[in-house]
Amino acid sequence: MLNKRDIYRIIGHNIRDARKSKNLTQEDFAELMDKSWSYIAKLETGTQNFSIGKLIDIAGFLQTDLEKLLKITKD
């Protein structure tokens, strides 16, 4: 069974993959979201907690389905 930290890490990787598929750097994405690049880095490594509302916002900024960001697979 995955723990909470593992789930944040997997979702963070999904965010990173979606960002890269849009050819955005962390800095570009941070500017788009009006956040710092370090916030984006923390999201993508799973060290930044986030709410479902924030995840919905991220999906909107990345023009991707929320389901894609929530896809949980074990490495």
C-alpha atoms as a PDB file:
ATOM      1  CA  MET A   1       0.000   0.000   0.000  1.00  0.00           C
ATOM      2  CA  LEU A   2       1.264   3.446  -0.884  1.00  0.00           C
ATOM      3  CA  ASN A   3       1.670   6.040   1.837  1.00  0.00           C
ATOM      4  CA  LYS A   4       0.736   9.697   1.526  1.00  0.00           C
ATOM      5  CA  ARG A   5       4.282  10.797   0.639  1.00  0.00           C
ATOM      6  CA  ASP A   6       4.446   8.226  -2.185  1.00  0.00           C
ATOM      7  CA  ILE A   7       1.162   9.512  -3.589  1.00  0.00           C
ATOM      8  CA  TYR A   8       2.372  13.124  -3.533  1.00  0.00           C
ATOM      9  CA  ARG A   9       5.564  12.018  -5.307  1.00  0.00           C
ATOM     10  CA  ILE A  10       3.660  10.146  -8.031  1.00  0.00           C
ATOM     11  CA  ILE A  11       1.247  13.033  -8.608  1.00  0.00           C
ATOM     12  CA  GLY A  12       4.244  15.382  -8.682  1.00  0.00           C
ATOM     13  CA  HIS A  13       5.810  13.297 -11.429  1.00  0.00           C
ATOM     14  CA  ASN A  14       2.512  13.429 -13.321  1.00  0.00           C
ATOM     15  CA  ILE A  15       2.534  17.229 -13.016  1.00  0.00           C
ATOM     16  CA  ARG A  16       6.129  17.326 -14.289  1.00  0.00           C
ATOM     17  CA  ASP A  17       5.283  15.098 -17.251  1.00  0.00           C
ATOM     18  CA  ALA A  18       2.257  17.241 -18.146  1.00  0.00           C
ATOM     19  CA  ARG A  19       4.345  20.428 -17.859  1.00  0.00           C
ATOM     20  CA  LYS A  20       7.078  19.011 -20.073  1.00  0.00           C
ATOM     21  CA  SER A  21       4.531  17.854 -22.659  1.00  0.00           C
ATOM     22  CA  LYS A  22       3.540  21.531 -22.975  1.00  0.00           C
ATOM     23  CA  ASN A  23       7.220  22.481 -23.421  1.00  0.00           C
ATOM     24  CA  LEU A  24       7.157  24.635 -20.294  1.00  0.00           C
ATOM     25  CA  THR A  25      10.120  25.095 -17.989  1.00  0.00           C
ATOM     26  CA  GLN A  26       9.534  25.211 -14.256  1.00  0.00           C
ATOM     27  CA  GLU A  27      10.109  28.952 -14.470  1.00  0.00           C
ATOM     28  CA  ASP A  28       7.532  29.364 -17.287  1.00  0.00           C
ATOM     29  CA  PHE A  29       4.977  27.311 -15.394  1.00  0.00           C
ATOM     30  CA  ALA A  30       5.643  29.196 -12.163  1.00  0.00           C
ATOM     31  CA  GLU A  31       5.045  32.503 -13.925  1.00  0.00           C
ATOM     32  CA  LEU A  32       1.834  31.181 -15.455  1.00  0.00           C
ATOM     33  CA  MET A  33       0.601  30.137 -11.993  1.00  0.00           C
ATOM     34  CA  ASP A  34       1.966  33.256 -10.257  1.00  0.00           C
ATOM     35  CA  LYS A  35       4.147  31.073  -8.010  1.00  0.00           C
ATOM     36  CA  SER A  36       7.889  30.704  -7.500  1.00  0.00           C
ATOM     37  CA  TRP A  37       9.905  28.145  -9.461  1.00  0.00           C
ATOM     38  CA  SER A  38      10.844  26.557  -6.121  1.00  0.00           C
ATOM     39  CA  TYR A  39       7.136  25.952  -5.414  1.00  0.00           C
ATOM     40  CA  ILE A  40       6.865  24.125  -8.757  1.00  0.00           C
ATOM     41  CA  ALA A  41      10.013  22.128  -8.003  1.00  0.00           C
ATOM     42  CA  LYS A  42       8.557  21.088  -4.644  1.00  0.00           C
ATOM     43  CA  LEU A  43       5.248  20.102  -6.273  1.00  0.00           C
ATOM     44  CA  GLU A  44       7.042  17.959  -8.814  1.00  0.00           C
ATOM     45  CA  THR A  45       9.175  16.170  -6.231  1.00  0.00           C
ATOM     46  CA  GLY A  46       6.249  15.543  -3.902  1.00  0.00           C
ATOM     47  CA  THR A  47       7.570  17.679  -1.063  1.00  0.00           C
ATOM     48  CA  GLN A  48       4.868  20.370  -1.388  1.00  0.00           C
ATOM     49  CA  ASN A  49       1.407  19.509  -0.084  1.00  0.00           C
ATOM     50  CA  PHE A  50      -1.531  20.682  -2.168  1.00  0.00           C
ATOM     51  CA  SER A  51      -5.301  20.621  -2.041  1.00  0.00           C
ATOM     52  CA  ILE A  52      -7.664  19.104  -4.575  1.00  0.00           C
ATOM     53  CA  GLY A  53      -8.628  22.670  -5.487  1.00  0.00           C
ATOM     54  CA  LYS A  54      -4.998  23.508  -6.262  1.00  0.00           C
ATOM     55  CA  LEU A  55      -4.675  20.326  -8.315  1.00  0.00           C
ATOM     56  CA  ILE A  56      -7.757  21.350 -10.322  1.00  0.00           C
ATOM     57  CA  ASP A  57      -6.092  24.742 -10.936  1.00  0.00           C
ATOM     58  CA  ILE A  58      -2.869  23.023 -12.042  1.00  0.00           C
ATOM     59  CA  ALA A  59      -4.796  20.820 -14.483  1.00  0.00           C
ATOM     60  CA  GLY A  60      -6.411  23.959 -15.904  1.00  0.00           C
ATOM     61  CA  PHE A  61      -3.106  25.788 -16.295  1.00  0.00           C
ATOM     62  CA  LEU A  62      -1.629  22.744 -18.031  1.00  0.00           C
ATOM     63  CA  GLN A  63      -4.767  22.170 -20.118  1.00  0.00           C
ATOM     64  CA  THR A  64      -4.873  18.522 -19.093  1.00  0.00           C
ATOM     65  CA  ASP A  65      -7.398  16.228 -17.485  1.00  0.00           C
ATOM     66  CA  LEU A  66      -7.409  16.046 -13.706  1.00  0.00           C
ATOM     67  CA  GLU A  67      -7.598  12.269 -14.040  1.00  0.00           C
ATOM     68  CA  LYS A  68      -4.221  12.266 -15.781  1.00  0.00           C
ATOM     69  CA  LEU A  69      -2.604  14.079 -12.854  1.00  0.00           C
ATOM     70  CA  LEU A  70      -4.272  11.732 -10.357  1.00  0.00           C
ATOM     71  CA  LYS A  71      -3.188   8.526 -12.095  1.00  0.00           C
ATOM     72  CA  ILE A  72      -1.422   6.440  -9.464  1.00  0.00           C
ATOM     73  CA  THR A  73       0.927   3.689 -10.596  1.00  0.00           C
ATOM     74  CA  LYS A  74       3.647   2.021  -8.608  1.00  0.00           C
ATOM     75  CA  ASP A  75       7.201   2.349  -9.945  1.00  0.00           C
END
